[in-house]
């Protein structure tokens, strides 16, 4: 997928706004495809990560050293041995000790921070529109979602780290988060799974236990067009996000809708349809006898390669590799 094609689609529109909460390490590389037509707001409460983010932030990025929650209140942030797993929730030691490398969750120090709602912080930063939200807050996603109702009401998509097992004390698990987001008008599109094994075992012993995942939620064309917020900018951003995550069928359905075509106008519709055709063109293997058997062999071979690992993860979110540049 061409970066220049997606970036050019947004020419003349407001920049697509990404809000990344728990932004240690910065946005994923695939957001680079949007170039200067992307506006990024990074929230990171860990002072160890904020300095690096501020030093590396390009001109289109705002870095806020802030914790988010469901209200304005003090929050004790637990700084763990591995910086990326630090959280406002304490680790659930009884659960974690069943698995190797549990020591990375060891709390080495704490810092008290004043948390505020996402809506409040975005308002203070002058951010009036949000197109995509990414939450990776190590178990604290639920309070943050509760404090970002206004932002979620206009957001087209969300990537939320969700847990299927109680990794942290008081953590809200996947079913409740999924139900909440679906109630906000999103639909679950994909889960990027992460499995843990209790020990390294060879020969191949299959998957470990499902522990957590990155969940991708999107508003479908029907939802976008049913509301009162179906503007040219919003539909264009939806088109870009559909293609960014590899859902060409959603982009196709959006462009086929007469209401969308009327709102976009002839010029924009023609441009988007041309871009859609170019982005959707790809080389594929034609059907042949034994194709399914070959695909099964490839999956089994990949599983064998990682058979001895105690942590196994899916590296694809939607229809893109999360490490692709």
Protein backbone atom coordinates (compact mmCIF):
# COMPACT_ATOMS: atom_id res chain seq x y z
CA UNK A 1 0.00 0.00 0.00
CA UNK A 2 1.41 3.31 -1.05
CA UNK A 3 1.97 5.92 1.63
CA UNK A 4 1.63 8.77 -0.87
CA UNK A 5 -1.76 7.58 -2.06
CA UNK A 6 -3.29 7.50 1.41
CA UNK A 7 -1.68 10.79 2.40
CA UNK A 8 -2.87 12.51 -0.76
CA UNK A 9 -6.47 11.47 -0.13
CA UNK A 10 -6.46 13.74 2.93
CA UNK A 11 -5.20 16.81 1.02
CA UNK A 12 -7.72 19.60 1.52
CA UNK A 13 -9.19 17.95 4.63
CA UNK A 14 -8.40 18.48 8.28
CA UNK A 15 -5.53 16.22 9.39
CA UNK A 16 -6.59 12.79 10.61
CA UNK A 17 -6.21 12.91 14.41
CA UNK A 18 -4.75 9.95 16.27
CA UNK A 19 -4.92 9.93 20.08
CA UNK A 20 -2.44 7.42 21.49
CA UNK A 21 -2.89 6.73 25.21
CA UNK A 22 -0.04 4.80 26.77
CA UNK A 23 2.28 5.99 24.05
CA UNK A 24 5.62 4.61 25.19
CA UNK A 25 7.67 4.00 22.04
CA UNK A 26 5.51 6.28 19.90
CA UNK A 27 2.84 5.45 17.30
CA UNK A 28 3.08 2.24 15.29
CA UNK A 29 5.06 2.57 12.03
CA UNK A 30 2.03 2.13 9.76
CA UNK A 31 0.75 5.58 10.75
CA UNK A 32 3.72 7.01 8.86
CA UNK A 33 1.80 6.28 5.65
CA UNK A 34 -0.28 9.40 6.28
CA UNK A 35 2.71 11.73 6.36
CA UNK A 36 1.98 15.36 7.21
CA UNK A 37 -1.78 14.79 7.01
CA UNK A 38 -1.70 13.09 10.39
CA UNK A 39 -2.00 14.87 13.74
CA UNK A 40 -0.86 12.86 16.77
CA UNK A 41 -1.64 13.39 20.46
CA UNK A 42 0.42 11.18 22.78
CA UNK A 43 -0.57 10.60 26.41
CA UNK A 44 2.10 8.98 28.59
CA UNK A 45 2.18 9.09 32.44
CA UNK A 46 5.54 7.34 32.84
CA UNK A 47 8.23 10.05 33.20
CA UNK A 48 10.84 7.57 31.94
CA UNK A 49 9.12 7.40 28.56
CA UNK A 50 7.97 11.01 28.20
CA UNK A 51 11.43 12.50 27.79
CA UNK A 52 12.24 10.21 24.88
CA UNK A 53 8.89 10.94 23.25
CA UNK A 54 9.39 14.70 23.55
CA UNK A 55 12.89 14.51 22.09
CA UNK A 56 11.77 12.46 19.09
CA UNK A 57 8.36 14.05 18.45
CA UNK A 58 7.94 15.57 14.97
CA UNK A 59 6.10 18.84 14.40
CA UNK A 60 2.71 17.14 13.96
CA UNK A 61 2.86 15.57 17.44
CA UNK A 62 1.75 16.77 20.87
CA UNK A 63 3.20 14.92 23.88
CA UNK A 64 1.27 15.19 27.13
CA UNK A 65 2.81 13.85 30.35
CA UNK A 66 -0.56 12.98 31.81
CA UNK A 67 -2.55 10.11 33.28
CA UNK A 68 -6.15 9.61 32.20
CA UNK A 69 -9.04 8.18 34.18
CA UNK A 70 -12.82 8.44 34.62
CA UNK A 71 -12.59 11.64 36.70
CA UNK A 72 -10.12 14.18 38.00
CA UNK A 73 -8.38 12.36 40.85
CA UNK A 74 -4.96 11.27 42.11
CA UNK A 75 -3.64 7.99 40.73
CA UNK A 76 -0.66 6.02 41.94
CA UNK A 77 1.31 4.81 38.93
CA UNK A 78 3.36 1.65 39.46
CA UNK A 79 6.72 1.70 37.68
CA UNK A 80 7.59 -1.90 36.86
CA UNK A 81 10.94 -3.49 36.12
CA UNK A 82 9.99 -3.62 32.44
CA UNK A 83 8.88 -0.08 31.63
CA UNK A 84 6.29 -1.17 29.04
CA UNK A 85 4.19 -3.09 31.60
CA UNK A 86 3.97 -0.26 34.16
CA UNK A 87 0.38 0.43 35.17
CA UNK A 88 -1.97 2.31 37.46
CA UNK A 89 -3.13 -1.14 38.62
CA UNK A 90 -1.04 -3.46 40.75
CA UNK A 91 0.08 -6.71 39.12
CA UNK A 92 -1.86 -9.82 40.07
CA UNK A 93 1.06 -11.80 41.45
CA UNK A 94 -0.99 -14.96 42.13
CA UNK A 95 -1.81 -15.20 38.44
CA UNK A 96 1.47 -13.96 36.95
CA UNK A 97 3.70 -16.31 38.97
CA UNK A 98 2.32 -19.25 36.99
CA UNK A 99 4.26 -18.06 33.94
CA UNK A 100 7.94 -17.48 33.11
CA UNK A 101 9.39 -13.94 33.23
CA UNK A 102 6.84 -12.79 35.82
CA UNK A 103 9.58 -10.68 37.38
CA UNK A 104 9.17 -8.08 34.63
CA UNK A 105 5.97 -7.02 36.43
CA UNK A 106 7.84 -6.34 39.68
CA UNK A 107 6.97 -2.85 40.97
CA UNK A 108 10.24 -1.01 41.63
CA UNK A 109 8.81 2.38 42.55
CA UNK A 110 5.63 4.42 42.38
CA UNK A 111 4.78 7.96 41.37
CA UNK A 112 1.63 9.86 42.30
CA UNK A 113 0.03 11.67 39.38
CA UNK A 114 -3.09 13.78 39.00
CA UNK A 115 -5.32 12.05 36.49
CA UNK A 116 -8.01 13.73 34.45
CA UNK A 117 -10.57 12.60 31.91
CA UNK A 118 -9.57 12.25 28.30
CA UNK A 119 -12.30 14.68 27.30
CA UNK A 120 -10.95 17.26 29.75
CA UNK A 121 -7.34 16.92 28.65
CA UNK A 122 -8.17 17.05 24.94
CA UNK A 123 -10.22 20.17 25.53
CA UNK A 124 -7.31 21.85 27.32
CA UNK A 125 -5.00 20.90 24.44
CA UNK A 126 -7.40 22.46 21.91
CA UNK A 127 -8.23 19.14 20.24
CA UNK A 128 -11.86 19.36 19.12
CA UNK A 129 -11.99 16.26 16.87
CA UNK A 130 -10.60 12.75 17.19
CA UNK A 131 -10.61 10.15 14.42
CA UNK A 132 -8.81 7.18 15.99
CA UNK A 133 -7.97 6.22 19.58
CA UNK A 134 -5.33 3.72 20.68
CA UNK A 135 -5.37 2.55 24.30
CA UNK A 136 -2.46 0.55 25.68
CA UNK A 137 -2.60 1.28 29.39
CA UNK A 138 -1.83 -2.10 30.92
CA UNK A 139 -5.23 -2.88 32.39
CA UNK A 140 -6.46 0.67 33.04
CA UNK A 141 -8.44 0.93 29.79
CA UNK A 142 -11.89 0.80 31.42
CA UNK A 143 -11.65 4.01 33.53
CA UNK A 144 -10.13 5.85 30.55
CA UNK A 145 -12.98 4.82 28.28
CA UNK A 146 -15.46 6.04 30.89
CA UNK A 147 -13.82 9.48 30.87
CA UNK A 148 -13.68 9.84 27.09
CA UNK A 149 -17.34 9.68 26.10
CA UNK A 150 -17.30 12.83 23.97
CA UNK A 151 -14.15 11.80 22.13
CA UNK A 152 -15.50 8.29 21.47
CA UNK A 153 -18.77 9.71 20.11
CA UNK A 154 -16.91 11.17 17.12
CA UNK A 155 -14.13 8.61 16.78
CA UNK A 156 -14.17 6.36 13.71
CA UNK A 157 -11.95 3.60 15.09
CA UNK A 158 -10.23 2.35 18.23
CA UNK A 159 -7.44 -0.06 19.08
CA UNK A 160 -7.73 -1.23 22.67
CA UNK A 161 -5.52 -3.62 24.60
CA UNK A 162 -7.88 -6.10 26.25
CA UNK A 163 -7.28 -8.88 28.76
CA UNK A 164 -8.93 -12.28 28.92
CA UNK A 165 -7.23 -13.19 32.20
CA UNK A 166 -6.79 -11.09 35.40
CA UNK A 167 -3.21 -9.91 34.88
CA UNK A 168 -3.76 -6.99 37.25
CA UNK A 169 -5.81 -6.37 40.36
CA UNK A 170 -9.23 -4.88 39.61
CA UNK A 171 -8.81 -5.14 35.84
CA UNK A 172 -11.95 -5.09 33.66
CA UNK A 173 -11.76 -7.93 31.14
CA UNK A 174 -12.58 -8.11 27.43
CA UNK A 175 -16.32 -8.94 27.47
CA UNK A 176 -17.30 -5.79 29.35
CA UNK A 177 -15.06 -3.53 27.24
CA UNK A 178 -16.36 -5.05 24.01
CA UNK A 179 -19.97 -4.61 25.12
CA UNK A 180 -19.30 -0.97 26.02
CA UNK A 181 -17.68 -0.10 22.69
CA UNK A 182 -20.36 -1.87 20.69
CA UNK A 183 -22.89 0.17 22.65
CA UNK A 184 -21.01 3.28 21.46
CA UNK A 185 -21.56 2.26 17.82
CA UNK A 186 -18.33 0.39 17.06
CA UNK A 187 -18.00 -3.13 15.73
CA UNK A 188 -15.22 -5.54 16.63
CA UNK A 189 -13.13 -6.22 13.53
CA UNK A 190 -10.12 -8.17 14.75
CA UNK A 191 -8.09 -9.43 17.72
CA UNK A 192 -4.30 -9.66 17.69
CA UNK A 193 -3.86 -12.58 20.07
CA UNK A 194 -1.16 -13.11 22.68
CA UNK A 195 -0.70 -16.56 24.25
CA UNK A 196 1.43 -17.55 27.25
CA UNK A 197 2.82 -20.98 28.09
CA UNK A 198 3.70 -22.05 31.62
CA UNK A 199 6.90 -23.66 30.39
CA UNK A 200 8.88 -24.10 27.18
CA UNK A 201 7.97 -27.48 25.76
CA UNK A 202 9.27 -29.33 22.73
CA UNK A 203 8.22 -30.93 20.48
CA UNK A 204 5.39 -28.72 19.26
CA UNK A 205 2.63 -28.53 21.85
CA UNK A 206 0.30 -26.03 20.20
CA UNK A 207 -0.80 -22.72 21.63
CA UNK A 208 -0.44 -21.55 25.18
CA UNK A 209 -3.26 -19.90 27.12
CA UNK A 210 -4.97 -16.85 25.64
CA UNK A 211 -4.01 -13.95 27.93
CA UNK A 212 -4.54 -10.66 26.13
CA UNK A 213 -5.03 -9.11 22.70
CA UNK A 214 -5.11 -5.85 20.80
CA UNK A 215 -8.73 -5.39 19.74
CA UNK A 216 -9.57 -3.36 16.63
CA UNK A 217 -12.96 -1.62 16.53
CA UNK A 218 -14.34 0.39 13.60
CA UNK A 219 -17.54 2.19 12.76
CA UNK A 220 -19.04 0.64 9.65
CA UNK A 221 -20.30 2.74 6.70
CA UNK A 222 -23.90 2.13 7.83
CA UNK A 223 -23.17 3.60 11.26
CA UNK A 224 -21.32 6.61 9.87
CA UNK A 225 -24.04 7.46 7.38
CA UNK A 226 -26.90 6.93 9.83
CA UNK A 227 -25.67 9.68 12.16
CA UNK A 228 -25.59 13.43 11.77
CA UNK A 229 -21.80 13.64 11.62
CA UNK A 230 -21.32 12.33 8.08
CA UNK A 231 -19.21 15.19 6.71
CA UNK A 232 -16.74 15.16 3.82
CA UNK A 233 -13.79 15.11 6.25
CA UNK A 234 -15.29 12.34 8.35
CA UNK A 235 -16.10 10.09 5.38
CA UNK A 236 -12.65 10.71 3.90
CA UNK A 237 -10.97 9.78 7.19
CA UNK A 238 -13.10 6.64 7.37
CA UNK A 239 -12.00 5.70 3.85
CA UNK A 240 -8.36 6.18 4.84
CA UNK A 241 -8.71 4.15 8.04
CA UNK A 242 -10.48 1.31 6.23
CA UNK A 243 -7.59 1.05 3.79
CA UNK A 244 -4.93 1.62 6.43
CA UNK A 245 -6.08 -1.52 8.27
CA UNK A 246 -6.75 -3.43 5.04
CA UNK A 247 -10.55 -3.47 4.97
CA UNK A 248 -11.07 -2.63 1.32
CA UNK A 249 -14.56 -4.14 1.46
CA UNK A 250 -15.68 -1.45 3.91
CA UNK A 251 -14.21 1.28 1.68
CA UNK A 252 -15.96 -0.29 -1.31
CA UNK A 253 -19.30 -0.30 0.51
CA UNK A 254 -18.84 3.31 1.62
CA UNK A 255 -18.21 4.50 -1.95
CA UNK A 256 -21.15 2.52 -3.31
CA UNK A 257 -23.61 4.35 -1.05
CA UNK A 258 -25.62 7.11 -2.76
CA UNK A 259 -25.78 9.20 0.43
CA UNK A 260 -22.00 9.13 0.74
CA UNK A 261 -21.58 10.09 -2.91
CA UNK A 262 -23.98 13.00 -2.48
CA UNK A 263 -22.14 14.30 0.60
CA UNK A 264 -18.70 13.90 -0.97
CA UNK A 265 -19.61 15.48 -4.30
CA UNK A 266 -18.56 14.35 -7.76
CA UNK A 267 -14.92 15.45 -7.55
CA UNK A 268 -14.16 13.83 -4.18
CA UNK A 269 -16.09 10.68 -5.06
CA UNK A 270 -14.15 10.28 -8.31
CA UNK A 271 -10.82 10.79 -6.51
CA UNK A 272 -11.68 8.27 -3.78
CA UNK A 273 -12.91 5.69 -6.28
CA UNK A 274 -9.74 6.01 -8.33
CA UNK A 275 -7.60 5.69 -5.17
CA UNK A 276 -9.70 2.75 -4.00
CA UNK A 277 -9.16 0.93 -7.28
CA UNK A 278 -5.41 1.47 -7.13
CA UNK A 279 -5.13 0.45 -3.47
CA UNK A 280 -7.32 -2.61 -3.94
CA UNK A 281 -5.32 -3.98 -6.87
CA UNK A 282 -3.03 -6.76 -5.69
CA UNK A 283 -1.46 -9.93 -6.92
CA UNK A 284 -3.09 -13.13 -5.70
CA UNK A 285 -2.52 -16.83 -6.19
CA UNK A 286 -5.24 -18.28 -8.46
CA UNK A 287 -7.22 -21.26 -7.14
CA UNK A 288 -5.52 -24.62 -7.60
CA UNK A 289 -5.94 -28.14 -6.30
CA UNK A 290 -4.23 -28.57 -2.92
CA UNK A 291 -4.07 -24.86 -2.07
CA UNK A 292 -5.75 -25.41 1.30
CA UNK A 293 -3.39 -28.26 2.17
CA UNK A 294 -0.38 -26.08 1.33
CA UNK A 295 -1.72 -23.24 3.50
CA UNK A 296 -2.26 -25.67 6.38
CA UNK A 297 1.30 -26.96 6.07
CA UNK A 298 2.62 -23.39 6.19
CA UNK A 299 0.64 -22.66 9.38
CA UNK A 300 1.90 -25.85 11.03
CA UNK A 301 5.48 -25.04 10.06
CA UNK A 302 5.18 -21.56 11.57
CA UNK A 303 3.75 -23.06 14.77
CA UNK A 304 6.67 -25.51 14.93
CA UNK A 305 9.19 -22.65 14.65
CA UNK A 306 7.76 -21.01 17.78
CA UNK A 307 6.95 -24.25 19.62
CA UNK A 308 9.46 -23.66 22.41
CA UNK A 309 8.51 -20.04 23.11
CA UNK A 310 6.61 -19.28 26.31
CA UNK A 311 5.03 -16.19 24.70
CA UNK A 312 3.38 -16.49 21.31
CA UNK A 313 1.75 -13.59 19.50
CA UNK A 314 -0.12 -12.85 16.34
CA UNK A 315 1.71 -10.10 14.45
CA UNK A 316 -1.25 -9.02 12.33
CA UNK A 317 -3.88 -6.45 13.29
CA UNK A 318 -6.70 -6.21 10.78
CA UNK A 319 -5.06 -7.08 7.47
CA UNK A 320 -1.68 -5.52 8.08
CA UNK A 321 1.47 -6.64 9.80
CA UNK A 322 1.89 -4.44 12.86
CA UNK A 323 5.62 -4.19 12.26
CA UNK A 324 5.33 -3.20 8.61
CA UNK A 325 6.75 0.15 7.59
